[in-house]
Amino acid sequence: RVKMANNVFYKMFKISIEDARGRPLYELGSGVWNIPGLR
């Protein structure tokens, strides 16, 4: 689950701080991080 990220992360992946914090990485950005093998 996302604890924090730098500004570059939020800008590149078009994710707001409020939407990211505390959520599993794999749910961010319409599932862009749901990558086979990464989990």
Full PDB file with SEQRES, HELIX, SHEET, SSBOND, CRYST1, ORIGX, SCALE, CONECT and MASTER records, all heavy atoms in Angstrom:
SEQRES   1 A   39  ARG VAL LYS MET ALA ASN ASN VAL PHE TYR LYS MET PHE          
SEQRES   2 A   39  LYS ILE SER ILE GLU ASP ALA ARG GLY ARG PRO LEU TYR          
SEQRES   3 A   39  GLU LEU GLY SER GLY VAL TRP ASN ILE PRO GLY LEU ARG          
HELIX    1 AA1 ASN A    7  MET A   12  1                                   6    
HELIX    2 AA2 ILE A   17  ALA A   20  1                                   4    
HELIX    3 AA3 LEU A   25  GLU A   27  5                                   3    
HELIX    4 AA4 GLY A   29  GLY A   31  5                                   3    
CRYST1    1.000    1.000    1.000  90.00  90.00  90.00 P 1           1          
ORIGX1      1.000000  0.000000  0.000000        0.00000                         
ORIGX2      0.000000  1.000000  0.000000        0.00000                         
ORIGX3      0.000000  0.000000  1.000000        0.00000                         
SCALE1      1.000000  0.000000  0.000000        0.00000                         
SCALE2      0.000000  1.000000  0.000000        0.00000                         
SCALE3      0.000000  0.000000  1.000000        0.00000                         
ATOM      1  N   ARG A   1       0.845  -1.185   0.000  1.00  0.00           N  
ATOM      2  CA  ARG A   1       0.000   0.000   0.000  1.00  0.00           C  
ATOM      3  C   ARG A   1       0.890   1.248   0.000  1.00  0.00           C  
ATOM      4  O   ARG A   1       1.950   1.260   0.630  1.00  0.00           O  
ATOM      5  CB  ARG A   1      -0.917   0.012   1.228  1.00  0.00           C  
ATOM      6  CG  ARG A   1      -1.961  -1.098   1.206  1.00  0.00           C  
ATOM      7  CD  ARG A   1      -2.785  -1.126   2.455  1.00  0.00           C  
ATOM      8  NE  ARG A   1      -1.957  -1.368   3.650  1.00  0.00           N  
ATOM      9  CZ  ARG A   1      -2.400  -1.910   4.769  1.00  0.00           C  
ATOM     10  NH1 ARG A   1      -3.678  -2.296   4.857  1.00  0.00           N  
ATOM     11  NH2 ARG A   1      -1.607  -2.071   5.801  1.00  0.00           N  
ATOM     12  N   VAL A   2       0.435   2.269  -0.708  1.00  0.00           N  
ATOM     13  CA  VAL A   2       1.244   3.487  -0.883  1.00  0.00           C  
ATOM     14  C   VAL A   2       1.297   4.280   0.421  1.00  0.00           C  
ATOM     15  O   VAL A   2       0.257   4.669   0.982  1.00  0.00           O  
ATOM     16  CB  VAL A   2       0.661   4.371  -2.003  1.00  0.00           C  
ATOM     17  CG1 VAL A   2       1.460   5.663  -2.123  1.00  0.00           C  
ATOM     18  CG2 VAL A   2       0.656   3.623  -3.330  1.00  0.00           C  
ATOM     19  N   LYS A   3       2.518   4.500   0.918  1.00  0.00           N  
ATOM     20  CA  LYS A   3       2.725   5.359   2.086  1.00  0.00           C  
ATOM     21  C   LYS A   3       2.976   6.795   1.648  1.00  0.00           C  
ATOM     22  O   LYS A   3       2.407   7.726   2.185  1.00  0.00           O  
ATOM     23  CB  LYS A   3       3.919   4.853   2.908  1.00  0.00           C  
ATOM     24  CG  LYS A   3       3.763   3.440   3.415  1.00  0.00           C  
ATOM     25  CD  LYS A   3       2.696   3.345   4.498  1.00  0.00           C  
ATOM     26  CE  LYS A   3       3.128   4.018   5.797  1.00  0.00           C  
ATOM     27  NZ  LYS A   3       2.077   3.904   6.845  1.00  0.00           N  
ATOM     28  N   MET A   4       3.833   6.943   0.631  1.00  0.00           N  
ATOM     29  CA  MET A   4       4.147   8.264   0.090  1.00  0.00           C  
ATOM     30  C   MET A   4       4.844   8.080  -1.258  1.00  0.00           C  
ATOM     31  O   MET A   4       5.291   6.988  -1.598  1.00  0.00           O  
ATOM     32  CB  MET A   4       5.032   9.052   1.049  1.00  0.00           C  
ATOM     33  CG  MET A   4       6.371   8.408   1.349  1.00  0.00           C  
ATOM     34  SD  MET A   4       7.316   9.298   2.599  1.00  0.00           S  
ATOM     35  CE  MET A   4       6.444   8.856   4.098  1.00  0.00           C  
ATOM     36  N   ALA A   5       4.925   9.155  -2.015  1.00  0.00           N  
ATOM     37  CA  ALA A   5       5.607   9.130  -3.312  1.00  0.00           C  
ATOM     38  C   ALA A   5       6.095  10.535  -3.635  1.00  0.00           C  
ATOM     39  O   ALA A   5       5.580  11.521  -3.079  1.00  0.00           O  
ATOM     40  CB  ALA A   5       4.659   8.630  -4.411  1.00  0.00           C  
ATOM     41  N   ASN A   6       7.099  10.631  -4.493  1.00  0.00           N  
ATOM     42  CA  ASN A   6       7.574  11.966  -4.856  1.00  0.00           C  
ATOM     43  C   ASN A   6       6.666  12.586  -5.923  1.00  0.00           C  
ATOM     44  O   ASN A   6       5.828  11.911  -6.525  1.00  0.00           O  
ATOM     45  CB  ASN A   6       9.038  11.943  -5.288  1.00  0.00           C  
ATOM     46  CG  ASN A   6       9.275  11.138  -6.563  1.00  0.00           C  
ATOM     47  OD1 ASN A   6       8.349  10.528  -7.099  1.00  0.00           O  
ATOM     48  ND2 ASN A   6      10.504  11.144  -7.034  1.00  0.00           N  
ATOM     49  N   ASN A   7       6.839  13.886  -6.138  1.00  0.00           N  
ATOM     50  CA  ASN A   7       5.969  14.607  -7.072  1.00  0.00           C  
ATOM     51  C   ASN A   7       6.056  14.058  -8.493  1.00  0.00           C  
ATOM     52  O   ASN A   7       5.068  14.068  -9.235  1.00  0.00           O  
ATOM     53  CB  ASN A   7       6.323  16.097  -7.082  1.00  0.00           C  
ATOM     54  CG  ASN A   7       5.862  16.789  -5.811  1.00  0.00           C  
ATOM     55  OD1 ASN A   7       4.827  16.431  -5.240  1.00  0.00           O  
ATOM     56  ND2 ASN A   7       6.632  17.763  -5.352  1.00  0.00           N  
ATOM     57  N   VAL A   8       7.247  13.564  -8.882  1.00  0.00           N  
ATOM     58  CA  VAL A   8       7.428  13.031 -10.241  1.00  0.00           C  
ATOM     59  C   VAL A   8       6.515  11.826 -10.457  1.00  0.00           C  
ATOM     60  O   VAL A   8       5.943  11.652 -11.536  1.00  0.00           O  
ATOM     61  CB  VAL A   8       8.901  12.638 -10.490  1.00  0.00           C  
ATOM     62  CG1 VAL A   8       9.073  12.073 -11.892  1.00  0.00           C  
ATOM     63  CG2 VAL A   8       9.813  13.832 -10.283  1.00  0.00           C  
ATOM     64  N   PHE A   9       6.367  11.003  -9.430  1.00  0.00           N  
ATOM     65  CA  PHE A   9       5.495   9.832  -9.534  1.00  0.00           C  
ATOM     66  C   PHE A   9       4.060  10.256  -9.820  1.00  0.00           C  
ATOM     67  O   PHE A   9       3.398   9.720 -10.717  1.00  0.00           O  
ATOM     68  CB  PHE A   9       5.567   9.014  -8.239  1.00  0.00           C  
ATOM     69  CG  PHE A   9       4.636   7.835  -8.204  1.00  0.00           C  
ATOM     70  CD1 PHE A   9       5.003   6.620  -8.760  1.00  0.00           C  
ATOM     71  CD2 PHE A   9       3.363   7.952  -7.627  1.00  0.00           C  
ATOM     72  CE1 PHE A   9       4.131   5.534  -8.732  1.00  0.00           C  
ATOM     73  CE2 PHE A   9       2.500   6.860  -7.595  1.00  0.00           C  
ATOM     74  CZ  PHE A   9       2.881   5.657  -8.158  1.00  0.00           C  
ATOM     75  N   TYR A  10       3.565  11.222  -9.048  1.00  0.00           N  
ATOM     76  CA  TYR A  10       2.177  11.662  -9.223  1.00  0.00           C  
ATOM     77  C   TYR A  10       1.948  12.299 -10.594  1.00  0.00           C  
ATOM     78  O   TYR A  10       0.918  12.077 -11.231  1.00  0.00           O  
ATOM     79  CB  TYR A  10       1.802  12.653  -8.111  1.00  0.00           C  
ATOM     80  CG  TYR A  10       1.787  12.040  -6.731  1.00  0.00           C  
ATOM     81  CD1 TYR A  10       2.613  12.524  -5.724  1.00  0.00           C  
ATOM     82  CD2 TYR A  10       0.933  10.971  -6.435  1.00  0.00           C  
ATOM     83  CE1 TYR A  10       2.598  11.972  -4.450  1.00  0.00           C  
ATOM     84  CE2 TYR A  10       0.913  10.408  -5.171  1.00  0.00           C  
ATOM     85  CZ  TYR A  10       1.752  10.904  -4.180  1.00  0.00           C  
ATOM     86  OH  TYR A  10       1.740  10.344  -2.928  1.00  0.00           O  
ATOM     87  N   LYS A  11       2.928  13.077 -11.042  1.00  0.00           N  
ATOM     88  CA  LYS A  11       2.781  13.761 -12.339  1.00  0.00           C  
ATOM     89  C   LYS A  11       2.836  12.769 -13.504  1.00  0.00           C  
ATOM     90  O   LYS A  11       2.039  12.845 -14.435  1.00  0.00           O  
ATOM     91  CB  LYS A  11       3.882  14.810 -12.502  1.00  0.00           C  
ATOM     92  CG  LYS A  11       3.676  16.043 -11.640  1.00  0.00           C  
ATOM     93  CD  LYS A  11       4.819  17.038 -11.849  1.00  0.00           C  
ATOM     94  CE  LYS A  11       4.621  18.275 -10.974  1.00  0.00           C  
ATOM     95  NZ  LYS A  11       5.737  19.245 -11.129  1.00  0.00           N  
ATOM     96  N   MET A  12       3.798  11.849 -13.473  1.00  0.00           N  
ATOM     97  CA  MET A  12       3.968  10.920 -14.587  1.00  0.00           C  
ATOM     98  C   MET A  12       2.762  10.007 -14.754  1.00  0.00           C  
ATOM     99  O   MET A  12       2.310   9.744 -15.873  1.00  0.00           O  
ATOM    100  CB  MET A  12       5.236  10.087 -14.416  1.00  0.00           C  
ATOM    101  CG  MET A  12       5.433   9.057 -15.531  1.00  0.00           C  
ATOM    102  SD  MET A  12       7.001   8.171 -15.417  1.00  0.00           S  
ATOM    103  CE  MET A  12       8.158   9.406 -15.989  1.00  0.00           C  
ATOM    104  N   PHE A  13       2.211   9.533 -13.633  1.00  0.00           N  
ATOM    105  CA  PHE A  13       1.139   8.547 -13.723  1.00  0.00           C  
ATOM    106  C   PHE A  13      -0.251   9.164 -13.535  1.00  0.00           C  
ATOM    107  O   PHE A  13      -1.240   8.439 -13.444  1.00  0.00           O  
ATOM    108  CB  PHE A  13       1.376   7.425 -12.712  1.00  0.00           C  
ATOM    109  CG  PHE A  13       2.641   6.667 -12.978  1.00  0.00           C  
ATOM    110  CD1 PHE A  13       3.789   6.926 -12.243  1.00  0.00           C  
ATOM    111  CD2 PHE A  13       2.708   5.735 -13.997  1.00  0.00           C  
ATOM    112  CE1 PHE A  13       4.969   6.244 -12.503  1.00  0.00           C  
ATOM    113  CE2 PHE A  13       3.883   5.053 -14.262  1.00  0.00           C  
ATOM    114  CZ  PHE A  13       5.024   5.310 -13.514  1.00  0.00           C  
ATOM    115  N   LYS A  14      -0.291  10.518 -13.506  1.00  0.00           N  
ATOM    116  CA  LYS A  14      -1.562  11.241 -13.430  1.00  0.00           C  
ATOM    117  C   LYS A  14      -2.417  10.745 -12.260  1.00  0.00           C  
ATOM    118  O   LYS A  14      -3.599  10.398 -12.391  1.00  0.00           O  
ATOM    119  CB  LYS A  14      -2.357  11.090 -14.737  1.00  0.00           C  
ATOM    120  CG  LYS A  14      -1.584  11.447 -15.993  1.00  0.00           C  
ATOM    121  CD  LYS A  14      -1.256  12.916 -16.050  1.00  0.00           C  
ATOM    122  CE  LYS A  14      -0.522  13.258 -17.344  1.00  0.00           C  
ATOM    123  NZ  LYS A  14      -0.075  14.658 -17.383  1.00  0.00           N  
ATOM    124  N   ILE A  15      -1.780  10.693 -11.073  1.00  0.00           N  
ATOM    125  CA  ILE A  15      -2.459  10.211  -9.872  1.00  0.00           C  
ATOM    126  C   ILE A  15      -2.399  11.313  -8.817  1.00  0.00           C  
ATOM    127  O   ILE A  15      -1.341  11.927  -8.612  1.00  0.00           O  
ATOM    128  CB  ILE A  15      -1.794   8.930  -9.334  1.00  0.00           C  
ATOM    129  CG1 ILE A  15      -1.825   7.819 -10.401  1.00  0.00           C  
ATOM    130  CG2 ILE A  15      -2.466   8.453  -8.047  1.00  0.00           C  
ATOM    131  CD1 ILE A  15      -0.968   6.623 -10.055  1.00  0.00           C  
ATOM    132  N   SER A  16      -3.503  11.556  -8.145  1.00  0.00           N  
ATOM    133  CA  SER A  16      -3.501  12.564  -7.069  1.00  0.00           C  
ATOM    134  C   SER A  16      -3.006  11.932  -5.767  1.00  0.00           C  
ATOM    135  O   SER A  16      -3.119  10.724  -5.564  1.00  0.00           O  
ATOM    136  CB  SER A  16      -4.903  13.145  -6.877  1.00  0.00           C  
ATOM    137  OG  SER A  16      -5.778  12.153  -6.374  1.00  0.00           O  
ATOM    138  N   ILE A  17      -2.478  12.774  -4.896  1.00  0.00           N  
ATOM    139  CA  ILE A  17      -1.956  12.286  -3.606  1.00  0.00           C  
ATOM    140  C   ILE A  17      -3.083  11.631  -2.805  1.00  0.00           C  
ATOM    141  O   ILE A  17      -2.897  10.569  -2.193  1.00  0.00           O  
ATOM    142  CB  ILE A  17      -1.324  13.444  -2.815  1.00  0.00           C  
ATOM    143  CG1 ILE A  17      -0.110  13.994  -3.577  1.00  0.00           C  
ATOM    144  CG2 ILE A  17      -0.914  12.988  -1.418  1.00  0.00           C  
ATOM    145  CD1 ILE A  17       0.515  15.215  -2.945  1.00  0.00           C  
ATOM    146  N   GLU A  18      -4.251  12.268  -2.802  1.00  0.00           N  
ATOM    147  CA  GLU A  18      -5.385  11.745  -2.023  1.00  0.00           C  
ATOM    148  C   GLU A  18      -5.823  10.362  -2.514  1.00  0.00           C  
ATOM    149  O   GLU A  18      -6.155   9.484  -1.706  1.00  0.00           O  
ATOM    150  CB  GLU A  18      -6.562  12.713  -2.111  1.00  0.00           C  
ATOM    151  CG  GLU A  18      -6.317  14.078  -1.479  1.00  0.00           C  
ATOM    152  CD  GLU A  18      -5.437  14.983  -2.332  1.00  0.00           C  
ATOM    153  OE1 GLU A  18      -5.291  14.682  -3.548  1.00  0.00           O  
ATOM    154  OE2 GLU A  18      -4.887  15.956  -1.793  1.00  0.00           O  
ATOM    155  N   ASP A  19      -5.808  10.174  -3.857  1.00  0.00           N  
ATOM    156  CA  ASP A  19      -6.251   8.879  -4.409  1.00  0.00           C  
ATOM    157  C   ASP A  19      -5.237   7.773  -4.178  1.00  0.00           C  
ATOM    158  O   ASP A  19      -5.603   6.590  -4.163  1.00  0.00           O  
ATOM    159  CB  ASP A  19      -6.502   9.014  -5.920  1.00  0.00           C  
ATOM    160  CG  ASP A  19      -7.755   9.818  -6.223  1.00  0.00           C  
ATOM    161  OD1 ASP A  19      -8.586   9.972  -5.310  1.00  0.00           O  
ATOM    162  OD2 ASP A  19      -7.881  10.304  -7.370  1.00  0.00           O  
ATOM    163  N   ALA A  20      -3.968   8.147  -4.003  1.00  0.00           N  
ATOM    164  CA  ALA A  20      -2.915   7.133  -3.923  1.00  0.00           C  
ATOM    165  C   ALA A  20      -2.648   6.659  -2.490  1.00  0.00           C  
ATOM    166  O   ALA A  20      -2.439   5.469  -2.251  1.00  0.00           O  
ATOM    167  CB  ALA A  20      -1.628   7.675  -4.527  1.00  0.00           C  
ATOM    168  N   ARG A  21      -2.634   7.600  -1.573  1.00  0.00           N  
ATOM    169  CA  ARG A  21      -2.186   7.274  -0.221  1.00  0.00           C  
ATOM    170  C   ARG A  21      -3.078   6.217   0.435  1.00  0.00           C  
ATOM    171  O   ARG A  21      -4.302   6.333   0.478  1.00  0.00           O  
ATOM    172  CB  ARG A  21      -2.152   8.546   0.628  1.00  0.00           C  
ATOM    173  CG  ARG A  21      -1.460   8.360   1.980  1.00  0.00           C  
ATOM    174  CD  ARG A  21      -1.147   9.693   2.591  1.00  0.00           C  
ATOM    175  NE  ARG A  21      -0.159  10.434   1.796  1.00  0.00           N  
ATOM    176  CZ  ARG A  21       0.084  11.743   1.949  1.00  0.00           C  
ATOM    177  NH1 ARG A  21      -0.611  12.437   2.814  1.00  0.00           N  
ATOM    178  NH2 ARG A  21       1.004  12.318   1.228  1.00  0.00           N  
ATOM    179  N   GLY A  22      -2.417   5.159   0.908  1.00  0.00           N  
ATOM    180  CA  GLY A  22      -3.117   4.087   1.616  1.00  0.00           C  
ATOM    181  C   GLY A  22      -3.739   3.038   0.717  1.00  0.00           C  
ATOM    182  O   GLY A  22      -4.254   2.035   1.206  1.00  0.00           O  
ATOM    183  N   ARG A  23      -3.668   3.236  -0.581  1.00  0.00           N  
ATOM    184  CA  ARG A  23      -4.267   2.261  -1.504  1.00  0.00           C  
ATOM    185  C   ARG A  23      -3.201   1.301  -2.018  1.00  0.00           C  
ATOM    186  O   ARG A  23      -2.032   1.672  -2.180  1.00  0.00           O  
ATOM    187  CB  ARG A  23      -4.927   2.967  -2.683  1.00  0.00           C  
ATOM    188  CG  ARG A  23      -6.175   3.751  -2.317  1.00  0.00           C  
ATOM    189  CD  ARG A  23      -6.773   4.386  -3.548  1.00  0.00           C  
ATOM    190  NE  ARG A  23      -7.191   3.390  -4.530  1.00  0.00           N  
ATOM    191  CZ  ARG A  23      -7.507   3.691  -5.788  1.00  0.00           C  
ATOM    192  NH1 ARG A  23      -7.412   4.941  -6.223  1.00  0.00           N  
ATOM    193  NH2 ARG A  23      -7.898   2.731  -6.609  1.00  0.00           N  
ATOM    194  N   PRO A  24      -3.585   0.060  -2.334  1.00  0.00           N  
ATOM    195  CA  PRO A  24      -2.613  -0.868  -2.928  1.00  0.00           C  
ATOM    196  C   PRO A  24      -2.093  -0.325  -4.263  1.00  0.00           C  
ATOM    197  O   PRO A  24      -2.856   0.266  -5.048  1.00  0.00           O  
ATOM    198  CB  PRO A  24      -3.431  -2.151  -3.131  1.00  0.00           C  
ATOM    199  CG  PRO A  24      -4.551  -2.051  -2.150  1.00  0.00           C  
ATOM    200  CD  PRO A  24      -4.877  -0.594  -2.054  1.00  0.00           C  
ATOM    201  N   LEU A  25      -0.841  -0.536  -4.517  1.00  0.00           N  
ATOM    202  CA  LEU A  25      -0.212  -0.050  -5.748  1.00  0.00           C  
ATOM    203  C   LEU A  25      -0.954  -0.544  -6.988  1.00  0.00           C  
ATOM    204  O   LEU A  25      -1.119   0.192  -7.966  1.00  0.00           O  
ATOM    205  CB  LEU A  25       1.249  -0.523  -5.794  1.00  0.00           C  
ATOM    206  CG  LEU A  25       2.051  -0.174  -7.055  1.00  0.00           C  
ATOM    207  CD1 LEU A  25       2.284   1.321  -7.167  1.00  0.00           C  
ATOM    208  CD2 LEU A  25       3.387  -0.921  -7.069  1.00  0.00           C  
ATOM    209  N   TYR A  26      -1.462  -1.762  -6.953  1.00  0.00           N  
ATOM    210  CA  TYR A  26      -2.049  -2.400  -8.137  1.00  0.00           C  
ATOM    211  C   TYR A  26      -3.391  -1.794  -8.536  1.00  0.00           C  
ATOM    212  O   TYR A  26      -3.892  -2.040  -9.628  1.00  0.00           O  
ATOM    213  CB  TYR A  26      -2.213  -3.904  -7.888  1.00  0.00           C  
ATOM    214  CG  TYR A  26      -1.005  -4.507  -7.227  1.00  0.00           C  
ATOM    215  CD1 TYR A  26      -1.056  -4.921  -5.907  1.00  0.00           C  
ATOM    216  CD2 TYR A  26       0.205  -4.610  -7.925  1.00  0.00           C  
ATOM    217  CE1 TYR A  26       0.070  -5.438  -5.279  1.00  0.00           C  
ATOM    218  CE2 TYR A  26       1.328  -5.126  -7.305  1.00  0.00           C  
ATOM    219  CZ  TYR A  26       1.261  -5.529  -5.981  1.00  0.00           C  
ATOM    220  OH  TYR A  26       2.370  -6.027  -5.376  1.00  0.00           O  
ATOM    221  N   GLU A  27      -3.978  -0.982  -7.617  1.00  0.00           N  
ATOM    222  CA  GLU A  27      -5.272  -0.356  -7.920  1.00  0.00           C  
ATOM    223  C   GLU A  27      -5.117   1.030  -8.522  1.00  0.00           C  
ATOM    224  O   GLU A  27      -6.099   1.639  -8.949  1.00  0.00           O  
ATOM    225  CB  GLU A  27      -6.121  -0.273  -6.642  1.00  0.00           C  
ATOM    226  CG  GLU A  27      -6.505  -1.629  -6.075  1.00  0.00           C  
ATOM    227  CD  GLU A  27      -7.330  -1.495  -4.806  1.00  0.00           C  
ATOM    228  OE1 GLU A  27      -7.636  -0.337  -4.414  1.00  0.00           O  
ATOM    229  OE2 GLU A  27      -7.669  -2.539  -4.210  1.00  0.00           O  
ATOM    230  N   LEU A  28      -3.900   1.546  -8.560  1.00  0.00           N  
ATOM    231  CA  LEU A  28      -3.688   2.919  -9.027  1.00  0.00           C  
ATOM    232  C   LEU A  28      -3.736   2.999 -10.554  1.00  0.00           C  
ATOM    233  O   LEU A  28      -3.361   2.060 -11.253  1.00  0.00           O  
ATOM    234  CB  LEU A  28      -2.332   3.446  -8.553  1.00  0.00           C  
ATOM    235  CG  LEU A  28      -2.090   3.465  -7.037  1.00  0.00           C  
ATOM    236  CD1 LEU A  28      -0.737   4.096  -6.755  1.00  0.00           C  
ATOM    237  CD2 LEU A  28      -3.202   4.214  -6.322  1.00  0.00           C  
ATOM    238  N   GLY A  29      -4.185   4.157 -11.043  1.00  0.00           N  
ATOM    239  CA  GLY A  29      -4.122   4.436 -12.476  1.00  0.00           C  
ATOM    240  C   GLY A  29      -4.843   3.434 -13.337  1.00  0.00           C  
ATOM    241  O   GLY A  29      -4.293   2.972 -14.335  1.00  0.00           O  
ATOM    242  N   SER A  30      -6.074   3.086 -12.960  1.00  0.00           N  
ATOM    243  CA  SER A  30      -6.886   2.147 -13.756  1.00  0.00           C  
ATOM    244  C   SER A  30      -6.171   0.825 -14.000  1.00  0.00           C  
ATOM    245  O   SER A  30      -6.262   0.235 -15.077  1.00  0.00           O  
ATOM    246  CB  SER A  30      -7.270   2.786 -15.097  1.00  0.00           C  
ATOM    247  OG  SER A  30      -7.976   3.990 -14.905  1.00  0.00           O  
ATOM    248  N   GLY A  31      -5.429   0.375 -12.991  1.00  0.00           N  
ATOM    249  CA  GLY A  31      -4.785  -0.933 -13.081  1.00  0.00           C  
ATOM    250  C   GLY A  31      -3.490  -0.968 -13.865  1.00  0.00           C  
ATOM    251  O   GLY A  31      -3.007  -2.050 -14.229  1.00  0.00           O  
ATOM    252  N   VAL A  32      -2.890   0.223 -14.131  1.00  0.00           N  
ATOM    253  CA  VAL A  32      -1.649   0.245 -14.912  1.00  0.00           C  
ATOM    254  C   VAL A  32      -0.520  -0.488 -14.202  1.00  0.00           C  
ATOM    255  O   VAL A  32       0.409  -0.991 -14.841  1.00  0.00           O  
ATOM    256  CB  VAL A  32      -1.252   1.709 -15.238  1.00  0.00           C  
ATOM    257  CG1 VAL A  32      -0.815   2.449 -13.978  1.00  0.00           C  
ATOM    258  CG2 VAL A  32      -0.135   1.757 -16.273  1.00  0.00           C  
ATOM    259  N   TRP A  33      -0.623  -0.581 -12.857  1.00  0.00           N  
ATOM    260  CA  TRP A  33       0.425  -1.263 -12.089  1.00  0.00           C  
ATOM    261  C   TRP A  33       0.116  -2.746 -11.834  1.00  0.00           C  
ATOM    262  O   TRP A  33       0.878  -3.414 -11.142  1.00  0.00           O  
ATOM    263  CB  TRP A  33       0.635  -0.547 -10.747  1.00  0.00           C  
ATOM    264  CG  TRP A  33       1.394   0.725 -10.917  1.00  0.00           C  
ATOM    265  CD1 TRP A  33       0.875   1.980 -10.991  1.00  0.00           C  
ATOM    266  CD2 TRP A  33       2.791   0.855 -11.095  1.00  0.00           C  
ATOM    267  NE1 TRP A  33       1.866   2.899 -11.200  1.00  0.00           N  
ATOM    268  CE2 TRP A  33       3.062   2.232 -11.264  1.00  0.00           C  
ATOM    269  CE3 TRP A  33       3.857  -0.046 -11.127  1.00  0.00           C  
ATOM    270  CZ2 TRP A  33       4.335   2.712 -11.459  1.00  0.00           C  
ATOM    271  CZ3 TRP A  33       5.126   0.435 -11.310  1.00  0.00           C  
ATOM    272  CH2 TRP A  33       5.369   1.806 -11.484  1.00  0.00           C  
ATOM    273  N   ASN A  34      -0.971  -3.206 -12.391  1.00  0.00           N  
ATOM    274  CA  ASN A  34      -1.308  -4.628 -12.222  1.00  0.00           C  
ATOM    275  C   ASN A  34      -0.486  -5.434 -13.237  1.00  0.00           C  
ATOM    276  O   ASN A  34      -1.000  -5.955 -14.222  1.00  0.00           O  
ATOM    277  CB  ASN A  34      -2.809  -4.835 -12.427  1.00  0.00           C  
ATOM    278  CG  ASN A  34      -3.250  -6.215 -11.974  1.00  0.00           C  
ATOM    279  OD1 ASN A  34      -2.524  -6.918 -11.266  1.00  0.00           O  
ATOM    280  ND2 ASN A  34      -4.438  -6.602 -12.389  1.00  0.00           N  
ATOM    281  N   ILE A  35       0.813  -5.526 -12.966  1.00  0.00           N  
ATOM    282  CA  ILE A  35       1.779  -6.104 -13.897  1.00  0.00           C  
ATOM    283  C   ILE A  35       2.127  -7.528 -13.463  1.00  0.00           C  
ATOM    284  O   ILE A  35       2.524  -7.744 -12.318  1.00  0.00           O  
ATOM    285  CB  ILE A  35       3.061  -5.249 -13.942  1.00  0.00           C  
ATOM    286  CG1 ILE A  35       2.713  -3.818 -14.389  1.00  0.00           C  
ATOM    287  CG2 ILE A  35       4.103  -5.863 -14.877  1.00  0.00           C  
ATOM    288  CD1 ILE A  35       3.845  -2.837 -14.166  1.00  0.00           C  
ATOM    289  N   PRO A  36       1.980  -8.498 -14.385  1.00  0.00           N  
ATOM    290  CA  PRO A  36       2.338  -9.890 -14.033  1.00  0.00           C  
ATOM    291  C   PRO A  36       3.786  -9.975 -13.531  1.00  0.00           C  
ATOM    292  O   PRO A  36       4.701  -9.437 -14.144  1.00  0.00           O  
ATOM    293  CB  PRO A  36       2.174 -10.627 -15.370  1.00  0.00           C  
ATOM    294  CG  PRO A  36       1.213  -9.807 -16.156  1.00  0.00           C  
ATOM    295  CD  PRO A  36       1.475  -8.377 -15.763  1.00  0.00           C  
ATOM    296  N   GLY A  37       3.964 -10.623 -12.399  1.00  0.00           N  
ATOM    297  CA  GLY A  37       5.305 -10.826 -11.850  1.00  0.00           C  
ATOM    298  C   GLY A  37       5.714  -9.786 -10.828  1.00  0.00           C  
ATOM    299  O   GLY A  37       6.540 -10.052  -9.946  1.00  0.00           O  
ATOM    300  N   LEU A  38       5.157  -8.565 -10.926  1.00  0.00           N  
ATOM    301  CA  LEU A  38       5.579  -7.504  -9.999  1.00  0.00           C  
ATOM    302  C   LEU A  38       5.104  -7.785  -8.570  1.00  0.00           C  
ATOM    303  O   LEU A  38       5.862  -7.613  -7.610  1.00  0.00           O  
ATOM    304  CB  LEU A  38       5.040  -6.153 -10.482  1.00  0.00           C  
ATOM    305  CG  LEU A  38       5.361  -4.953  -9.581  1.00  0.00           C  
ATOM    306  CD1 LEU A  38       6.868  -4.775  -9.431  1.00  0.00           C  
ATOM    307  CD2 LEU A  38       4.723  -3.673 -10.129  1.00  0.00           C  
ATOM    308  N   ARG A  39       3.849  -8.243  -8.446  1.00  0.00           N  
ATOM    309  CA  ARG A  39       3.312  -8.525  -7.103  1.00  0.00           C  
ATOM    310  C   ARG A  39       4.176  -9.553  -6.380  1.00  0.00           C  
ATOM    311  O   ARG A  39       4.518  -9.391  -5.196  1.00  0.00           O  
ATOM    312  CB  ARG A  39       1.866  -9.022  -7.215  1.00  0.00           C  
ATOM    313  CG  ARG A  39       1.159  -9.172  -5.873  1.00  0.00           C  
ATOM    314  CD  ARG A  39      -0.177  -9.893  -6.069  1.00  0.00           C  
ATOM    315  NE  ARG A  39      -1.073  -9.131  -6.906  1.00  0.00           N  
ATOM    316  CZ  ARG A  39      -2.019  -8.316  -6.439  1.00  0.00           C  
ATOM    317  NH1 ARG A  39      -2.163  -8.163  -5.133  1.00  0.00           N  
ATOM    318  NH2 ARG A  39      -2.809  -7.682  -7.262  1.00  0.00           N  
TER     319      ARG A  39                                                      
MASTER        0    0    0    4    0    0    0    6  318    1    0    3          
END                                                                             
